[in-house]
Amino acid sequence: MPDNVMSEIQEHQGSTNPGLAKELAQDAAAAETQEAKKARLDLLSETLKHIEAQTLSGVAVLTPKDILLDLSDLQKAHPDRHFRWVNIKAPGNADRRRLNGYIRLPEADGGRQLGGEVAVFVTTQRIHQQHEAEIKKANKQRLNAHRAEVENAVEAVARELRDKYGLKIDSERILVDEE
């Protein structure tokens, strides 16, 4: 009960009207239980809204995805191999991984499948590192492709200035290197 209500009850208990003190205590208890009920209903409402906002992904409820998809036990048992989950339902996914050197890990060797969608595939660390290096090289070429295009455009401008106007301007003077 709130402190001000308790002090009011104690004042009235000492008075000549004991019925009034009892009535005040009952009113305070009723108000407190209503507040507690409202708080409990608000909490339930928030909980239900949270549950409703979540979507089920087809895995067992209350199974965290990081635990479900964890392959560290296989990695510890076979440090010379690289493991990954592959979506076998997506057209071409498994075939593309096979072209990259992956094979589906049999259940006898620790292979797993979740639902009918994903399964564990494995390759050697050497093949995986080669593939990662190829990806890194391609990404670097993509990042530098614009630079090559700009250099070609600058050379074309320098050639045009030389051929049409007789100006000899070095293409490196036109291109500012910001690195």
N, C-alpha and C. Protein backbone atom coordinates (compact mmCIF):
# COMPACT_ATOMS: atom_id res chain seq x y z
N MET A 1 0.83 -1.17 0.00
CA MET A 1 0.00 0.00 0.00
C MET A 1 0.88 1.24 0.00
N PRO A 2 0.39 2.31 -0.65
CA PRO A 2 1.15 3.56 -0.62
C PRO A 2 1.28 4.08 0.80
N ASP A 3 2.38 4.77 1.07
CA ASP A 3 2.67 5.25 2.42
C ASP A 3 1.62 6.23 2.93
N ASN A 4 1.13 7.12 2.05
CA ASN A 4 0.15 8.10 2.51
C ASN A 4 -1.15 7.43 2.94
N VAL A 5 -1.54 6.35 2.29
CA VAL A 5 -2.76 5.61 2.66
C VAL A 5 -2.54 4.92 4.00
N MET A 6 -1.35 4.34 4.21
CA MET A 6 -1.06 3.66 5.47
C MET A 6 -1.09 4.64 6.64
N SER A 7 -0.52 5.83 6.43
CA SER A 7 -0.51 6.80 7.53
C SER A 7 -1.93 7.26 7.84
N GLU A 8 -2.75 7.38 6.79
CA GLU A 8 -4.14 7.78 7.00
C GLU A 8 -4.89 6.70 7.78
N ILE A 9 -4.63 5.44 7.47
CA ILE A 9 -5.28 4.33 8.17
C ILE A 9 -4.85 4.32 9.63
N GLN A 10 -3.55 4.51 9.88
CA GLN A 10 -3.05 4.50 11.25
C GLN A 10 -3.66 5.64 12.07
N GLU A 11 -3.86 6.78 11.44
CA GLU A 11 -4.48 7.91 12.15
C GLU A 11 -5.91 7.57 12.55
N HIS A 12 -6.62 6.91 11.64
CA HIS A 12 -8.02 6.59 11.91
C HIS A 12 -8.17 5.41 12.86
N GLN A 13 -7.16 4.56 12.94
CA GLN A 13 -7.25 3.43 13.87
C GLN A 13 -7.24 3.94 15.32
N GLY A 14 -6.57 5.01 15.52
CA GLY A 14 -6.53 5.59 16.86
C GLY A 14 -7.78 6.40 17.17
N SER A 15 -8.60 6.64 16.19
CA SER A 15 -9.82 7.44 16.41
C SER A 15 -10.92 6.59 17.01
N THR A 16 -12.03 7.21 17.25
CA THR A 16 -13.14 6.51 17.90
C THR A 16 -13.97 5.71 16.92
N ASN A 17 -13.71 5.81 15.59
CA ASN A 17 -14.51 5.11 14.58
C ASN A 17 -13.67 3.98 13.96
N PRO A 18 -13.69 2.77 14.55
CA PRO A 18 -12.89 1.67 13.99
C PRO A 18 -13.42 1.19 12.65
N GLY A 19 -14.70 1.37 12.36
CA GLY A 19 -15.28 0.95 11.08
C GLY A 19 -14.71 1.74 9.93
N LEU A 20 -14.45 3.01 10.13
CA LEU A 20 -13.89 3.87 9.10
C LEU A 20 -12.47 3.42 8.74
N ALA A 21 -11.69 3.06 9.77
CA ALA A 21 -10.32 2.59 9.53
C ALA A 21 -10.33 1.30 8.72
N LYS A 22 -11.26 0.42 9.04
CA LYS A 22 -11.36 -0.86 8.31
C LYS A 22 -11.78 -0.60 6.87
N GLU A 23 -12.68 0.30 6.66
CA GLU A 23 -13.16 0.63 5.31
C GLU A 23 -12.04 1.25 4.48
N LEU A 24 -11.26 2.13 5.08
CA LEU A 24 -10.12 2.73 4.38
C LEU A 24 -9.09 1.67 4.00
N ALA A 25 -8.83 0.71 4.85
CA ALA A 25 -7.88 -0.36 4.57
C ALA A 25 -8.36 -1.22 3.41
N GLN A 26 -9.64 -1.51 3.37
CA GLN A 26 -10.20 -2.31 2.28
C GLN A 26 -10.12 -1.56 0.96
N ASP A 27 -10.43 -0.25 0.98
CA ASP A 27 -10.34 0.55 -0.24
C ASP A 27 -8.91 0.59 -0.78
N ALA A 28 -7.95 0.75 0.12
CA ALA A 28 -6.54 0.81 -0.28
C ALA A 28 -6.10 -0.53 -0.86
N ALA A 29 -6.53 -1.63 -0.23
CA ALA A 29 -6.17 -2.96 -0.73
C ALA A 29 -6.79 -3.21 -2.10
N ALA A 30 -8.03 -2.76 -2.29
CA ALA A 30 -8.71 -2.94 -3.58
C ALA A 30 -8.00 -2.13 -4.67
N ALA A 31 -7.60 -0.90 -4.34
CA ALA A 31 -6.90 -0.05 -5.31
C ALA A 31 -5.56 -0.69 -5.68
N GLU A 32 -4.87 -1.24 -4.67
CA GLU A 32 -3.58 -1.86 -4.94
C GLU A 32 -3.74 -3.10 -5.82
N THR A 33 -4.73 -3.91 -5.56
CA THR A 33 -4.92 -5.11 -6.38
C THR A 33 -5.31 -4.73 -7.79
N GLN A 34 -6.07 -3.64 -7.95
CA GLN A 34 -6.42 -3.21 -9.30
C GLN A 34 -5.17 -2.75 -10.05
N GLU A 35 -4.28 -2.03 -9.36
CA GLU A 35 -3.02 -1.61 -9.99
C GLU A 35 -2.17 -2.81 -10.36
N ALA A 36 -2.12 -3.80 -9.48
CA ALA A 36 -1.34 -5.01 -9.75
C ALA A 36 -1.92 -5.77 -10.94
N LYS A 37 -3.27 -5.84 -10.98
CA LYS A 37 -3.92 -6.52 -12.10
C LYS A 37 -3.63 -5.80 -13.41
N LYS A 38 -3.71 -4.47 -13.39
CA LYS A 38 -3.44 -3.69 -14.59
C LYS A 38 -1.99 -3.88 -15.04
N ALA A 39 -1.07 -3.87 -14.10
CA ALA A 39 0.34 -4.08 -14.43
C ALA A 39 0.56 -5.46 -15.03
N ARG A 40 -0.09 -6.48 -14.45
CA ARG A 40 0.04 -7.84 -14.97
C ARG A 40 -0.56 -7.95 -16.36
N LEU A 41 -1.71 -7.30 -16.60
CA LEU A 41 -2.33 -7.31 -17.93
C LEU A 41 -1.45 -6.59 -18.96
N ASP A 42 -0.84 -5.49 -18.56
CA ASP A 42 0.06 -4.77 -19.46
C ASP A 42 1.25 -5.64 -19.84
N LEU A 43 1.79 -6.34 -18.85
CA LEU A 43 2.92 -7.24 -19.11
C LEU A 43 2.52 -8.37 -20.06
N LEU A 44 1.37 -8.97 -19.82
CA LEU A 44 0.87 -10.03 -20.71
C LEU A 44 0.64 -9.50 -22.12
N SER A 45 0.09 -8.31 -22.22
CA SER A 45 -0.16 -7.71 -23.53
C SER A 45 1.14 -7.50 -24.29
N GLU A 46 2.15 -6.97 -23.62
CA GLU A 46 3.45 -6.77 -24.27
C GLU A 46 4.06 -8.10 -24.70
N THR A 47 3.96 -9.11 -23.85
CA THR A 47 4.49 -10.43 -24.17
C THR A 47 3.80 -11.00 -25.40
N LEU A 48 2.49 -10.89 -25.45
CA LEU A 48 1.74 -11.40 -26.60
C LEU A 48 2.07 -10.64 -27.88
N LYS A 49 2.25 -9.33 -27.79
CA LYS A 49 2.65 -8.55 -28.96
C LYS A 49 4.01 -9.00 -29.46
N HIS A 50 4.93 -9.26 -28.55
CA HIS A 50 6.27 -9.73 -28.93
C HIS A 50 6.20 -11.09 -29.62
N ILE A 51 5.42 -11.99 -29.07
CA ILE A 51 5.28 -13.32 -29.67
C ILE A 51 4.63 -13.23 -31.04
N GLU A 52 3.62 -12.38 -31.17
CA GLU A 52 2.92 -12.22 -32.44
C GLU A 52 3.84 -11.64 -33.51
N ALA A 53 4.76 -10.76 -33.11
CA ALA A 53 5.66 -10.14 -34.06
C ALA A 53 6.71 -11.10 -34.60
N GLN A 54 6.97 -12.17 -33.89
CA GLN A 54 7.97 -13.13 -34.32
C GLN A 54 7.37 -14.06 -35.37
N THR A 55 8.24 -14.50 -36.29
CA THR A 55 7.81 -15.50 -37.27
C THR A 55 8.59 -16.78 -37.03
N LEU A 56 7.95 -17.87 -37.25
CA LEU A 56 8.62 -19.16 -37.07
C LEU A 56 9.30 -19.54 -38.37
N SER A 57 10.54 -20.01 -38.30
CA SER A 57 11.29 -20.32 -39.49
C SER A 57 11.27 -21.82 -39.82
N GLY A 58 10.47 -22.57 -39.14
CA GLY A 58 10.40 -23.99 -39.43
C GLY A 58 11.28 -24.83 -38.53
N VAL A 59 12.13 -24.20 -37.75
CA VAL A 59 12.97 -24.96 -36.82
C VAL A 59 12.22 -25.10 -35.51
N ALA A 60 12.71 -25.95 -34.66
CA ALA A 60 12.06 -26.18 -33.38
C ALA A 60 12.03 -24.89 -32.58
N VAL A 61 10.91 -24.61 -31.95
CA VAL A 61 10.77 -23.40 -31.17
C VAL A 61 11.76 -23.44 -30.01
N LEU A 62 12.29 -22.28 -29.67
CA LEU A 62 13.26 -22.10 -28.59
C LEU A 62 14.64 -22.69 -28.91
N THR A 63 14.94 -22.94 -30.19
CA THR A 63 16.26 -23.41 -30.59
C THR A 63 16.99 -22.23 -31.23
N PRO A 64 17.98 -21.66 -30.57
CA PRO A 64 18.70 -20.54 -31.17
C PRO A 64 19.41 -20.97 -32.45
N LYS A 65 19.34 -20.12 -33.47
CA LYS A 65 19.90 -20.46 -34.76
C LYS A 65 21.41 -20.68 -34.70
N ASP A 66 22.10 -19.92 -33.86
CA ASP A 66 23.54 -20.08 -33.81
C ASP A 66 23.94 -21.46 -33.27
N ILE A 67 23.15 -21.99 -32.37
CA ILE A 67 23.42 -23.34 -31.86
C ILE A 67 23.02 -24.37 -32.90
N LEU A 68 21.91 -24.13 -33.56
CA LEU A 68 21.40 -25.06 -34.56
C LEU A 68 22.34 -25.18 -35.76
N LEU A 69 22.95 -24.08 -36.16
CA LEU A 69 23.80 -24.09 -37.34
C LEU A 69 25.29 -24.20 -37.02
N ASP A 70 25.64 -24.44 -35.78
CA ASP A 70 27.03 -24.51 -35.34
C ASP A 70 27.72 -25.76 -35.89
N LEU A 71 28.84 -25.55 -36.55
CA LEU A 71 29.62 -26.67 -37.10
C LEU A 71 31.00 -26.75 -36.45
N SER A 72 31.17 -26.11 -35.30
CA SER A 72 32.50 -26.09 -34.67
C SER A 72 32.96 -27.48 -34.24
N ASP A 73 32.02 -28.38 -33.90
CA ASP A 73 32.42 -29.73 -33.52
C ASP A 73 33.07 -30.46 -34.70
N LEU A 74 32.53 -30.27 -35.90
CA LEU A 74 33.13 -30.88 -37.09
C LEU A 74 34.48 -30.23 -37.41
N GLN A 75 34.55 -28.90 -37.26
CA GLN A 75 35.79 -28.18 -37.55
C GLN A 75 36.91 -28.60 -36.61
N LYS A 76 36.56 -28.84 -35.32
CA LYS A 76 37.57 -29.29 -34.35
C LYS A 76 38.03 -30.71 -34.67
N ALA A 77 37.11 -31.56 -35.11
CA ALA A 77 37.46 -32.94 -35.42
C ALA A 77 38.28 -33.05 -36.71
N HIS A 78 38.04 -32.13 -37.65
CA HIS A 78 38.72 -32.16 -38.95
C HIS A 78 39.24 -30.76 -39.29
N PRO A 79 40.35 -30.33 -38.70
CA PRO A 79 40.84 -28.96 -38.95
C PRO A 79 41.35 -28.74 -40.37
N ASP A 80 41.61 -29.83 -41.11
CA ASP A 80 42.11 -29.70 -42.48
C ASP A 80 40.98 -29.55 -43.49
N ARG A 81 39.74 -29.49 -43.03
CA ARG A 81 38.58 -29.37 -43.93
C ARG A 81 37.80 -28.10 -43.63
N HIS A 82 37.04 -27.66 -44.63
CA HIS A 82 36.16 -26.50 -44.46
C HIS A 82 34.72 -26.97 -44.65
N PHE A 83 33.88 -26.63 -43.68
CA PHE A 83 32.48 -27.04 -43.70
C PHE A 83 31.59 -25.83 -43.92
N ARG A 84 30.48 -26.04 -44.60
CA ARG A 84 29.51 -24.96 -44.80
C ARG A 84 28.13 -25.54 -45.03
N TRP A 85 27.12 -24.75 -44.67
CA TRP A 85 25.74 -25.12 -44.95
C TRP A 85 25.42 -24.69 -46.37
N VAL A 86 24.72 -25.55 -47.11
CA VAL A 86 24.33 -25.22 -48.48
C VAL A 86 22.83 -25.44 -48.60
N ASN A 87 22.15 -24.46 -49.18
CA ASN A 87 20.72 -24.58 -49.43
C ASN A 87 20.53 -25.50 -50.64
N ILE A 88 20.08 -26.72 -50.39
CA ILE A 88 19.97 -27.71 -51.46
C ILE A 88 18.67 -27.57 -52.24
N LYS A 89 17.73 -26.78 -51.71
CA LYS A 89 16.47 -26.57 -52.43
C LYS A 89 16.60 -25.49 -53.49
N ALA A 90 17.50 -24.54 -53.28
CA ALA A 90 17.68 -23.44 -54.24
C ALA A 90 18.29 -24.00 -55.52
N PRO A 91 17.70 -23.68 -56.67
CA PRO A 91 18.21 -24.23 -57.93
C PRO A 91 19.65 -23.80 -58.19
N GLY A 92 20.50 -24.78 -58.42
CA GLY A 92 21.88 -24.51 -58.79
C GLY A 92 22.84 -24.30 -57.64
N ASN A 93 22.34 -24.12 -56.43
CA ASN A 93 23.23 -23.86 -55.29
C ASN A 93 24.18 -25.03 -55.04
N ALA A 94 23.65 -26.22 -54.91
CA ALA A 94 24.48 -27.39 -54.64
C ALA A 94 25.44 -27.66 -55.80
N ASP A 95 24.95 -27.49 -57.03
CA ASP A 95 25.81 -27.71 -58.20
C ASP A 95 26.96 -26.71 -58.23
N ARG A 96 26.68 -25.46 -57.90
CA ARG A 96 27.72 -24.43 -57.89
C ARG A 96 28.77 -24.75 -56.82
N ARG A 97 28.34 -25.24 -55.68
CA ARG A 97 29.28 -25.61 -54.62
C ARG A 97 30.11 -26.82 -55.04
N ARG A 98 29.50 -27.75 -55.75
CA ARG A 98 30.26 -28.92 -56.23
C ARG A 98 31.35 -28.48 -57.21
N LEU A 99 31.03 -27.47 -58.05
CA LEU A 99 32.04 -26.95 -58.98
C LEU A 99 33.18 -26.27 -58.22
N ASN A 100 32.90 -25.77 -57.03
CA ASN A 100 33.93 -25.14 -56.19
C ASN A 100 34.69 -26.17 -55.36
N GLY A 101 34.38 -27.47 -55.52
CA GLY A 101 35.12 -28.51 -54.82
C GLY A 101 34.45 -29.06 -53.57
N TYR A 102 33.24 -28.65 -53.30
CA TYR A 102 32.53 -29.15 -52.13
C TYR A 102 31.79 -30.43 -52.47
N ILE A 103 31.68 -31.32 -51.47
CA ILE A 103 30.84 -32.51 -51.59
C ILE A 103 29.95 -32.56 -50.37
N ARG A 104 28.81 -33.21 -50.52
CA ARG A 104 27.90 -33.32 -49.38
C ARG A 104 28.48 -34.31 -48.38
N LEU A 105 28.51 -33.92 -47.13
CA LEU A 105 29.07 -34.76 -46.08
C LEU A 105 28.05 -35.83 -45.69
N PRO A 106 28.44 -37.11 -45.81
CA PRO A 106 27.51 -38.18 -45.43
C PRO A 106 27.20 -38.15 -43.93
N GLU A 107 26.04 -38.64 -43.57
CA GLU A 107 25.64 -38.66 -42.16
C GLU A 107 26.60 -39.49 -41.32
N ALA A 108 27.17 -40.52 -41.91
CA ALA A 108 28.11 -41.38 -41.18
C ALA A 108 29.36 -40.61 -40.75
N ASP A 109 29.70 -39.57 -41.48
CA ASP A 109 30.88 -38.76 -41.16
C ASP A 109 30.51 -37.49 -40.38
N GLY A 110 29.29 -37.39 -39.95
CA GLY A 110 28.87 -36.21 -39.17
C GLY A 110 28.02 -35.24 -39.95
N GLY A 111 27.64 -35.60 -41.17
CA GLY A 111 26.81 -34.72 -41.99
C GLY A 111 25.43 -34.53 -41.39
N ARG A 112 24.85 -33.38 -41.66
CA ARG A 112 23.53 -33.06 -41.12
C ARG A 112 22.67 -32.44 -42.22
N GLN A 113 21.38 -32.50 -41.98
CA GLN A 113 20.43 -31.84 -42.86
C GLN A 113 19.34 -31.25 -41.98
N LEU A 114 18.96 -30.01 -42.25
CA LEU A 114 17.89 -29.36 -41.51
C LEU A 114 16.68 -29.23 -42.42
N GLY A 115 15.60 -29.85 -41.98
CA GLY A 115 14.41 -29.84 -42.84
C GLY A 115 14.76 -30.49 -44.16
N GLY A 116 14.23 -29.97 -45.23
CA GLY A 116 14.62 -30.46 -46.54
C GLY A 116 15.37 -29.39 -47.29
N GLU A 117 15.91 -28.40 -46.56
CA GLU A 117 16.46 -27.24 -47.23
C GLU A 117 17.97 -27.13 -47.21
N VAL A 118 18.60 -27.31 -46.06
CA VAL A 118 20.05 -27.10 -45.99
C VAL A 118 20.75 -28.36 -45.51
N ALA A 119 21.96 -28.55 -46.03
CA ALA A 119 22.78 -29.71 -45.66
C ALA A 119 24.23 -29.26 -45.56
N VAL A 120 25.03 -30.05 -44.86
CA VAL A 120 26.44 -29.73 -44.67
C VAL A 120 27.25 -30.26 -45.85
N PHE A 121 28.08 -29.37 -46.41
CA PHE A 121 29.01 -29.72 -47.48
C PHE A 121 30.42 -29.49 -46.96
N VAL A 122 31.39 -30.19 -47.53
CA VAL A 122 32.76 -30.14 -47.05
C VAL A 122 33.73 -30.09 -48.22
N THR A 123 34.88 -29.42 -47.99
CA THR A 123 35.99 -29.41 -48.94
C THR A 123 37.27 -29.29 -48.13
N THR A 124 38.41 -29.38 -48.80
CA THR A 124 39.68 -29.23 -48.09
C THR A 124 39.94 -27.74 -47.84
N GLN A 125 40.75 -27.44 -46.84
CA GLN A 125 41.10 -26.04 -46.54
C GLN A 125 41.86 -25.42 -47.72
N ARG A 126 42.69 -26.23 -48.40
CA ARG A 126 43.46 -25.71 -49.53
C ARG A 126 42.54 -25.22 -50.64
N ILE A 127 41.55 -26.02 -51.00
CA ILE A 127 40.60 -25.63 -52.05
C ILE A 127 39.80 -24.41 -51.60
N HIS A 128 39.39 -24.39 -50.36
CA HIS A 128 38.64 -23.25 -49.83
C HIS A 128 39.47 -21.97 -49.89
N GLN A 129 40.74 -22.05 -49.48
CA GLN A 129 41.60 -20.87 -49.50
C GLN A 129 41.88 -20.39 -50.92
N GLN A 130 42.01 -21.33 -51.87
CA GLN A 130 42.19 -20.95 -53.27
C GLN A 130 40.95 -20.20 -53.77
N HIS A 131 39.79 -20.71 -53.44
CA HIS A 131 38.54 -20.07 -53.86
C HIS A 131 38.40 -18.68 -53.22
N GLU A 132 38.76 -18.57 -51.95
CA GLU A 132 38.70 -17.27 -51.27
C GLU A 132 39.67 -16.28 -51.92
N ALA A 133 40.86 -16.75 -52.31
CA ALA A 133 41.84 -15.89 -52.97
C ALA A 133 41.32 -15.41 -54.32
N GLU A 134 40.66 -16.30 -55.06
CA GLU A 134 40.07 -15.91 -56.35
C GLU A 134 38.99 -14.84 -56.16
N ILE A 135 38.17 -15.01 -55.14
CA ILE A 135 37.11 -14.03 -54.85
C ILE A 135 37.74 -12.69 -54.48
N LYS A 136 38.79 -12.73 -53.64
CA LYS A 136 39.46 -11.50 -53.22
C LYS A 136 40.09 -10.78 -54.42
N LYS A 137 40.69 -11.54 -55.32
CA LYS A 137 41.30 -10.97 -56.52
C LYS A 137 40.23 -10.32 -57.41
N ALA A 138 39.11 -11.01 -57.61
CA ALA A 138 38.03 -10.47 -58.43
C ALA A 138 37.46 -9.20 -57.81
N ASN A 139 37.31 -9.18 -56.50
CA ASN A 139 36.80 -7.99 -55.82
C ASN A 139 37.76 -6.81 -55.96
N LYS A 140 39.07 -7.10 -55.87
CA LYS A 140 40.06 -6.04 -56.04
C LYS A 140 40.01 -5.47 -57.46
N GLN A 141 39.85 -6.36 -58.45
CA GLN A 141 39.73 -5.90 -59.84
C GLN A 141 38.48 -5.04 -60.02
N ARG A 142 37.39 -5.42 -59.39
CA ARG A 142 36.15 -4.64 -59.48
C ARG A 142 36.34 -3.25 -58.85
N LEU A 143 37.04 -3.23 -57.72
CA LEU A 143 37.27 -1.95 -57.06
C LEU A 143 38.18 -1.03 -57.87
N ASN A 144 39.10 -1.61 -58.63
CA ASN A 144 40.04 -0.81 -59.41
C ASN A 144 39.62 -0.63 -60.87
N ALA A 145 38.51 -1.20 -61.28
CA ALA A 145 38.07 -1.12 -62.67
C ALA A 145 37.79 0.32 -63.07
N HIS A 146 37.20 1.09 -62.19
CA HIS A 146 36.90 2.48 -62.53
C HIS A 146 38.17 3.29 -62.77
N ARG A 147 39.22 2.95 -62.03
CA ARG A 147 40.49 3.65 -62.20
C ARG A 147 41.05 3.42 -63.59
N ALA A 148 40.99 2.18 -64.07
CA ALA A 148 41.48 1.87 -65.42
C ALA A 148 40.65 2.62 -66.47
N GLU A 149 39.36 2.72 -66.26
CA GLU A 149 38.50 3.45 -67.20
C GLU A 149 38.86 4.94 -67.23
N VAL A 150 39.11 5.51 -66.06
CA VAL A 150 39.48 6.92 -65.99
C VAL A 150 40.83 7.14 -66.65
N GLU A 151 41.79 6.24 -66.41
CA GLU A 151 43.11 6.37 -67.05
C GLU A 151 42.99 6.30 -68.56
N ASN A 152 42.15 5.42 -69.09
CA ASN A 152 41.94 5.34 -70.53
C ASN A 152 41.32 6.62 -71.06
N ALA A 153 40.37 7.20 -70.33
CA ALA A 153 39.74 8.45 -70.76
C ALA A 153 40.76 9.59 -70.76
N VAL A 154 41.62 9.64 -69.76
CA VAL A 154 42.65 10.70 -69.67
C VAL A 154 43.63 10.57 -70.82
N GLU A 155 44.03 9.34 -71.14
CA GLU A 155 44.94 9.13 -72.28
C GLU A 155 44.28 9.56 -73.58
N ALA A 156 42.99 9.30 -73.72
CA ALA A 156 42.27 9.72 -74.92
C ALA A 156 42.23 11.25 -75.02
N VAL A 157 42.03 11.93 -73.89
CA VAL A 157 42.03 13.40 -73.88
C VAL A 157 43.41 13.93 -74.25
N ALA A 158 44.45 13.34 -73.67
CA ALA A 158 45.82 13.78 -73.98
C ALA A 158 46.13 13.56 -75.45
N ARG A 159 45.70 12.45 -76.02
CA ARG A 159 45.93 12.15 -77.44
C ARG A 159 45.18 13.17 -78.31
N GLU A 160 43.94 13.49 -77.92
CA GLU A 160 43.13 14.47 -78.67
C GLU A 160 43.79 15.84 -78.64
N LEU A 161 44.28 16.26 -77.47
CA LEU A 161 44.96 17.55 -77.37
C LEU A 161 46.22 17.58 -78.23
N ARG A 162 46.94 16.46 -78.27
CA ARG A 162 48.15 16.39 -79.05
C ARG A 162 47.84 16.40 -80.55
N ASP A 163 46.84 15.60 -81.00
CA ASP A 163 46.55 15.45 -82.42
C ASP A 163 45.85 16.69 -83.00
N LYS A 164 44.86 17.25 -82.29
CA LYS A 164 44.08 18.36 -82.83
C LYS A 164 44.73 19.72 -82.60
N TYR A 165 45.35 19.89 -81.44
CA TYR A 165 45.83 21.22 -81.07
C TYR A 165 47.34 21.31 -80.95
N GLY A 166 48.03 20.18 -81.09
CA GLY A 166 49.48 20.19 -81.03
C GLY A 166 50.04 20.40 -79.63
N LEU A 167 49.22 20.21 -78.64
CA LEU A 167 49.67 20.38 -77.26
C LEU A 167 50.21 19.06 -76.73
N LYS A 168 51.38 19.12 -76.16
CA LYS A 168 51.95 17.91 -75.58
C LYS A 168 51.76 17.98 -74.07
N ILE A 169 50.74 17.30 -73.60
CA ILE A 169 50.43 17.27 -72.16
C ILE A 169 50.52 15.81 -71.71
N ASP A 170 51.30 15.63 -70.68
CA ASP A 170 51.46 14.29 -70.11
C ASP A 170 50.15 13.87 -69.43
N SER A 171 49.71 12.64 -69.69
CA SER A 171 48.44 12.17 -69.11
C SER A 171 48.49 12.11 -67.59
N GLU A 172 49.69 11.98 -67.05
CA GLU A 172 49.81 11.95 -65.59
C GLU A 172 49.56 13.32 -64.97
N ARG A 173 49.77 14.41 -65.75
CA ARG A 173 49.47 15.76 -65.26
C ARG A 173 47.97 15.99 -65.17
N ILE A 174 47.23 15.35 -66.07
CA ILE A 174 45.77 15.51 -66.07
C ILE A 174 45.15 14.70 -64.96
N LEU A 175 45.65 13.49 -64.76
CA LEU A 175 45.09 12.59 -63.75
C LEU A 175 45.73 12.87 -62.40
N VAL A 176 44.91 13.17 -61.44
CA VAL A 176 45.40 13.41 -60.09
C VAL A 176 45.35 12.10 -59.34
N ASP A 177 46.49 11.70 -58.80
CA ASP A 177 46.54 10.45 -58.03
C ASP A 177 46.34 10.78 -56.56
N GLU A 178 45.26 10.32 -55.99
CA GLU A 178 44.91 10.66 -54.63
C GLU A 178 45.38 9.61 -53.62
N GLU A 179 46.13 8.67 -54.02
CA GLU A 179 46.59 7.62 -53.10
C GLU A 179 47.82 8.02 -52.37
